[in-house]
Amino acid sequence: MSIYREGYEIYLKKCEQFGLEPINFHYYVIQLSQEQLNAYNEQARNSKGSN
């Protein structure tokens, strides 16, 4: 779940940069596409394997 939180932090910074009102974390996660979720999960698996 921490990898989703990292993505959310980037999202928050971009919203601030462009003067947009961000959605909360829960809605951010449910708005991710299956492709995005798969990429996050794959990255998390790879980072666990390298530790």
N, C-alpha and C. Protein backbone atom coordinates (compact mmCIF):
# COMPACT_ATOMS: atom_id res chain seq x y z
N MET A 1 0.82 -1.20 0.00
CA MET A 1 0.00 0.00 0.00
C MET A 1 0.86 1.26 0.00
N SER A 2 2.08 1.13 0.49
CA SER A 2 2.94 2.32 0.54
C SER A 2 3.27 2.84 -0.86
N ILE A 3 3.32 1.95 -1.85
CA ILE A 3 3.62 2.41 -3.21
C ILE A 3 2.47 3.27 -3.75
N TYR A 4 1.22 2.93 -3.35
CA TYR A 4 0.08 3.75 -3.74
C TYR A 4 0.17 5.12 -3.06
N ARG A 5 0.62 5.11 -1.83
CA ARG A 5 0.76 6.36 -1.08
C ARG A 5 1.81 7.26 -1.74
N GLU A 6 2.89 6.66 -2.22
CA GLU A 6 3.93 7.45 -2.92
C GLU A 6 3.35 8.09 -4.17
N GLY A 7 2.56 7.33 -4.92
CA GLY A 7 1.91 7.88 -6.11
C GLY A 7 0.95 8.99 -5.76
N TYR A 8 0.24 8.84 -4.64
CA TYR A 8 -0.70 9.85 -4.19
C TYR A 8 0.03 11.14 -3.81
N GLU A 9 1.17 11.00 -3.19
CA GLU A 9 1.96 12.19 -2.82
C GLU A 9 2.39 12.96 -4.07
N ILE A 10 2.78 12.25 -5.11
CA ILE A 10 3.14 12.90 -6.38
C ILE A 10 1.91 13.60 -6.96
N TYR A 11 0.78 12.91 -6.91
CA TYR A 11 -0.48 13.48 -7.38
C TYR A 11 -0.80 14.77 -6.63
N LEU A 12 -0.64 14.77 -5.31
CA LEU A 12 -0.92 15.97 -4.51
C LEU A 12 -0.02 17.13 -4.92
N LYS A 13 1.26 16.85 -5.15
CA LYS A 13 2.19 17.89 -5.57
C LYS A 13 1.79 18.49 -6.91
N LYS A 14 1.35 17.63 -7.84
CA LYS A 14 0.93 18.12 -9.16
C LYS A 14 -0.35 18.95 -9.05
N CYS A 15 -1.27 18.51 -8.21
CA CYS A 15 -2.49 19.30 -8.00
C CYS A 15 -2.15 20.68 -7.48
N GLU A 16 -1.25 20.72 -6.50
CA GLU A 16 -0.83 22.00 -5.94
C GLU A 16 -0.15 22.85 -7.00
N GLN A 17 0.70 22.23 -7.81
CA GLN A 17 1.43 22.94 -8.86
C GLN A 17 0.48 23.60 -9.85
N PHE A 18 -0.62 22.92 -10.17
CA PHE A 18 -1.54 23.43 -11.18
C PHE A 18 -2.80 24.06 -10.58
N GLY A 19 -2.82 24.22 -9.25
CA GLY A 19 -3.94 24.87 -8.60
C GLY A 19 -5.24 24.07 -8.63
N LEU A 20 -5.12 22.74 -8.60
CA LEU A 20 -6.29 21.88 -8.63
C LEU A 20 -6.61 21.35 -7.23
N GLU A 21 -7.87 21.09 -6.99
CA GLU A 21 -8.30 20.51 -5.72
C GLU A 21 -8.17 18.98 -5.81
N PRO A 22 -7.32 18.39 -4.98
CA PRO A 22 -7.13 16.94 -5.06
C PRO A 22 -8.28 16.15 -4.44
N ILE A 23 -8.45 14.93 -4.89
CA ILE A 23 -9.41 14.02 -4.28
C ILE A 23 -8.70 13.31 -3.12
N ASN A 24 -9.46 12.71 -2.21
CA ASN A 24 -8.81 12.03 -1.09
C ASN A 24 -8.20 10.70 -1.54
N PHE A 25 -7.37 10.12 -0.68
CA PHE A 25 -6.61 8.92 -1.01
C PHE A 25 -7.51 7.77 -1.42
N HIS A 26 -8.60 7.57 -0.71
CA HIS A 26 -9.51 6.46 -1.02
C HIS A 26 -10.01 6.57 -2.47
N TYR A 27 -10.49 7.73 -2.86
CA TYR A 27 -10.98 7.91 -4.22
C TYR A 27 -9.85 7.84 -5.25
N TYR A 28 -8.69 8.30 -4.87
CA TYR A 28 -7.53 8.20 -5.76
C TYR A 28 -7.27 6.74 -6.11
N VAL A 29 -7.25 5.87 -5.10
CA VAL A 29 -6.94 4.46 -5.33
C VAL A 29 -8.03 3.79 -6.15
N ILE A 30 -9.30 4.07 -5.86
CA ILE A 30 -10.36 3.39 -6.62
C ILE A 30 -10.47 3.91 -8.06
N GLN A 31 -9.86 5.07 -8.34
CA GLN A 31 -9.87 5.59 -9.70
C GLN A 31 -8.73 5.05 -10.57
N LEU A 32 -7.79 4.33 -9.95
CA LEU A 32 -6.69 3.77 -10.73
C LEU A 32 -7.21 2.67 -11.65
N SER A 33 -6.67 2.61 -12.85
CA SER A 33 -7.07 1.56 -13.79
C SER A 33 -6.42 0.24 -13.38
N GLN A 34 -6.94 -0.86 -13.91
CA GLN A 34 -6.36 -2.16 -13.62
C GLN A 34 -4.90 -2.20 -14.09
N GLU A 35 -4.61 -1.56 -15.21
CA GLU A 35 -3.24 -1.51 -15.73
C GLU A 35 -2.32 -0.78 -14.74
N GLN A 36 -2.79 0.32 -14.18
CA GLN A 36 -2.00 1.06 -13.20
C GLN A 36 -1.79 0.24 -11.93
N LEU A 37 -2.84 -0.42 -11.46
CA LEU A 37 -2.72 -1.27 -10.28
C LEU A 37 -1.72 -2.40 -10.52
N ASN A 38 -1.79 -3.02 -11.69
CA ASN A 38 -0.86 -4.09 -12.01
C ASN A 38 0.58 -3.59 -12.03
N ALA A 39 0.79 -2.39 -12.58
CA ALA A 39 2.14 -1.82 -12.63
C ALA A 39 2.66 -1.53 -11.23
N TYR A 40 1.82 -0.97 -10.37
CA TYR A 40 2.22 -0.71 -8.99
C TYR A 40 2.58 -2.01 -8.28
N ASN A 41 1.73 -3.03 -8.45
CA ASN A 41 1.97 -4.30 -7.79
C ASN A 41 3.24 -4.97 -8.30
N GLU A 42 3.48 -4.90 -9.58
CA GLU A 42 4.70 -5.47 -10.16
C GLU A 42 5.93 -4.75 -9.62
N GLN A 43 5.87 -3.43 -9.54
CA GLN A 43 6.99 -2.67 -9.00
C GLN A 43 7.23 -3.04 -7.54
N ALA A 44 6.17 -3.22 -6.78
CA ALA A 44 6.30 -3.59 -5.37
C ALA A 44 6.94 -4.98 -5.24
N ARG A 45 6.52 -5.92 -6.06
CA ARG A 45 7.11 -7.26 -6.04
C ARG A 45 8.59 -7.21 -6.40
N ASN A 46 8.93 -6.41 -7.41
CA ASN A 46 10.34 -6.29 -7.82
C ASN A 46 11.19 -5.66 -6.74
N SER A 47 10.66 -4.65 -6.06
CA SER A 47 11.45 -3.99 -5.02
C SER A 47 11.62 -4.89 -3.80
N LYS A 48 10.65 -5.74 -3.52
CA LYS A 48 10.80 -6.70 -2.42
C LYS A 48 11.84 -7.74 -2.76
N GLY A 49 11.90 -8.15 -4.01
CA GLY A 49 12.86 -9.16 -4.44
C GLY A 49 14.28 -8.66 -4.42
N SER A 50 14.47 -7.36 -4.57
CA SER A 50 15.83 -6.80 -4.61
C SER A 50 16.35 -6.46 -3.23
N ASN A 51 15.52 -6.55 -2.20
CA ASN A 51 15.94 -6.23 -0.84
C ASN A 51 16.54 -7.42 -0.15
